[in-house]
Amino acid sequence: MAYVVKADDRGRIKLPKDVVSPGDRILVIPAGRRILLIKIPPKPVEASSSWLKTEKDKKELRALAESYAIEEVEMKLRRRDLAGGD
């Protein structure tokens, strides 16, 4: 089911009750003219254990994710600098 919602004067949107509950954590991904919202389960590692097979523990996974995130930010900053952006 699709919904149309309107942003208020502060840029906030209110999602329908049957989509989210108070306290839900949601990943917001800007994608050009679109925004992707992904509900994060309360225990992501446990929720993903059926499809994400790894020998790494949470600490190793976090360090790996942080490393990739830093690498991505540095790459975007380099591209912006090469394009002459501020």
C-alpha atoms as a PDB file:
ATOM      1  CA  MET A   1       0.000   0.000   0.000  1.00  0.00           C
ATOM      2  CA  ALA A   2       1.273   3.489  -0.817  1.00  0.00           C
ATOM      3  CA  TYR A   3       0.691   6.688   1.139  1.00  0.00           C
ATOM      4  CA  VAL A   4       1.037  10.355   0.313  1.00  0.00           C
ATOM      5  CA  VAL A   5       2.288  12.434   3.242  1.00  0.00           C
ATOM      6  CA  LYS A   6       3.155  16.115   3.456  1.00  0.00           C
ATOM      7  CA  ALA A   7       6.205  17.650   5.098  1.00  0.00           C
ATOM      8  CA  ASP A   8       5.458  20.288   7.729  1.00  0.00           C
ATOM      9  CA  ASP A   9       7.156  23.687   7.942  1.00  0.00           C
ATOM     10  CA  ARG A  10      10.162  22.077   9.677  1.00  0.00           C
ATOM     11  CA  GLY A  11      10.559  19.389   6.995  1.00  0.00           C
ATOM     12  CA  ARG A  12       9.129  16.605   9.143  1.00  0.00           C
ATOM     13  CA  ILE A  13       6.766  13.984   7.832  1.00  0.00           C
ATOM     14  CA  LYS A  14       4.276  11.942   9.808  1.00  0.00           C
ATOM     15  CA  LEU A  15       4.015   8.298   8.798  1.00  0.00           C
ATOM     16  CA  PRO A  16       0.795   6.309   9.216  1.00  0.00           C
ATOM     17  CA  LYS A  17       0.413   4.220  12.404  1.00  0.00           C
ATOM     18  CA  ASP A  18       0.214   0.966  10.466  1.00  0.00           C
ATOM     19  CA  VAL A  19       3.650   1.655   8.940  1.00  0.00           C
ATOM     20  CA  VAL A  20       5.679   2.590  12.027  1.00  0.00           C
ATOM     21  CA  SER A  21       5.300   2.570  15.788  1.00  0.00           C
ATOM     22  CA  PRO A  22       6.642   5.077  18.322  1.00  0.00           C
ATOM     23  CA  GLY A  23      10.298   4.342  19.009  1.00  0.00           C
ATOM     24  CA  ASP A  24      10.951   2.549  15.708  1.00  0.00           C
ATOM     25  CA  ARG A  25      14.383   3.276  14.263  1.00  0.00           C
ATOM     26  CA  ILE A  26      14.362   4.014  10.559  1.00  0.00           C
ATOM     27  CA  LEU A  27      17.258   4.274   8.131  1.00  0.00           C
ATOM     28  CA  VAL A  28      16.724   7.257   5.794  1.00  0.00           C
ATOM     29  CA  ILE A  29      18.533   7.074   2.462  1.00  0.00           C
ATOM     30  CA  PRO A  30      18.329  10.103   0.148  1.00  0.00           C
ATOM     31  CA  ALA A  31      18.267   8.831  -3.437  1.00  0.00           C
ATOM     32  CA  GLY A  32      18.022  11.820  -5.750  1.00  0.00           C
ATOM     33  CA  ARG A  33      14.396  12.916  -5.853  1.00  0.00           C
ATOM     34  CA  ARG A  34      13.416   9.904  -3.762  1.00  0.00           C
ATOM     35  CA  ILE A  35      13.842   8.945  -0.130  1.00  0.00           C
ATOM     36  CA  LEU A  36      14.154   5.329   0.902  1.00  0.00           C
ATOM     37  CA  LEU A  37      12.983   4.472   4.425  1.00  0.00           C
ATOM     38  CA  ILE A  38      14.032   1.148   5.950  1.00  0.00           C
ATOM     39  CA  LYS A  39      12.791   0.065   9.358  1.00  0.00           C
ATOM     40  CA  ILE A  40      15.675  -1.231  11.482  1.00  0.00           C
ATOM     41  CA  PRO A  41      14.820  -4.265  13.617  1.00  0.00           C
ATOM     42  CA  PRO A  42      15.442  -3.915  17.373  1.00  0.00           C
ATOM     43  CA  LYS A  43      18.258  -6.496  17.193  1.00  0.00           C
ATOM     44  CA  PRO A  44      19.651  -6.231  13.650  1.00  0.00           C
ATOM     45  CA  VAL A  45      22.352  -8.885  14.038  1.00  0.00           C
ATOM     46  CA  GLU A  46      19.893 -11.478  15.327  1.00  0.00           C
ATOM     47  CA  ALA A  47      17.303 -10.519  12.686  1.00  0.00           C
ATOM     48  CA  SER A  48      19.852 -10.964   9.893  1.00  0.00           C
ATOM     49  CA  SER A  49      21.367 -14.212  11.152  1.00  0.00           C
ATOM     50  CA  SER A  50      19.143 -16.331   8.898  1.00  0.00           C
ATOM     51  CA  TRP A  51      20.448 -14.704   5.692  1.00  0.00           C
ATOM     52  CA  LEU A  52      23.758 -13.078   6.713  1.00  0.00           C
ATOM     53  CA  LYS A  53      26.307 -15.806   7.326  1.00  0.00           C
ATOM     54  CA  THR A  54      29.591 -14.638   8.832  1.00  0.00           C
ATOM     55  CA  GLU A  55      32.258 -15.775  11.246  1.00  0.00           C
ATOM     56  CA  LYS A  56      32.838 -12.180  12.413  1.00  0.00           C
ATOM     57  CA  ASP A  57      31.495 -10.929  15.723  1.00  0.00           C
ATOM     58  CA  LYS A  58      29.617  -7.647  16.221  1.00  0.00           C
ATOM     59  CA  LYS A  59      32.789  -5.725  17.059  1.00  0.00           C
ATOM     60  CA  GLU A  60      34.505  -6.827  13.847  1.00  0.00           C
ATOM     61  CA  LEU A  61      31.401  -6.090  11.751  1.00  0.00           C
ATOM     62  CA  ARG A  62      31.096  -2.600  13.263  1.00  0.00           C
ATOM     63  CA  ALA A  63      34.769  -1.834  12.591  1.00  0.00           C
ATOM     64  CA  LEU A  64      34.399  -3.045   9.008  1.00  0.00           C
ATOM     65  CA  ALA A  65      31.253  -0.947   8.454  1.00  0.00           C
ATOM     66  CA  GLU A  66      32.930   2.152   9.932  1.00  0.00           C
ATOM     67  CA  SER A  67      35.981   1.603   7.735  1.00  0.00           C
ATOM     68  CA  TYR A  68      33.822   1.366   4.588  1.00  0.00           C
ATOM     69  CA  ALA A  69      31.813   4.436   5.639  1.00  0.00           C
ATOM     70  CA  ILE A  70      34.977   6.511   6.160  1.00  0.00           C
ATOM     71  CA  GLU A  71      36.343   5.301   2.821  1.00  0.00           C
ATOM     72  CA  GLU A  72      33.089   6.301   1.070  1.00  0.00           C
ATOM     73  CA  VAL A  73      33.064   9.769   2.656  1.00  0.00           C
ATOM     74  CA  GLU A  74      36.705  10.341   1.688  1.00  0.00           C
ATOM     75  CA  MET A  75      35.964   9.265  -1.883  1.00  0.00           C
ATOM     76  CA  LYS A  76      32.973  11.636  -2.109  1.00  0.00           C
ATOM     77  CA  LEU A  77      35.044  14.509  -0.700  1.00  0.00           C
ATOM     78  CA  ARG A  78      37.805  13.850  -3.246  1.00  0.00           C
ATOM     79  CA  ARG A  79      35.255  13.851  -6.088  1.00  0.00           C
ATOM     80  CA  ARG A  80      33.751  17.083  -4.779  1.00  0.00           C
ATOM     81  CA  ASP A  81      37.182  18.703  -4.534  1.00  0.00           C
ATOM     82  CA  LEU A  82      38.044  17.610  -8.081  1.00  0.00           C
ATOM     83  CA  ALA A  83      34.743  19.058  -9.321  1.00  0.00           C
ATOM     84  CA  GLY A  84      35.527  22.357  -7.600  1.00  0.00           C
ATOM     85  CA  GLY A  85      32.697  22.111  -5.067  1.00  0.00           C
ATOM     86  CA  ASP A  86      32.697  23.750  -1.657  1.00  0.00           C
END
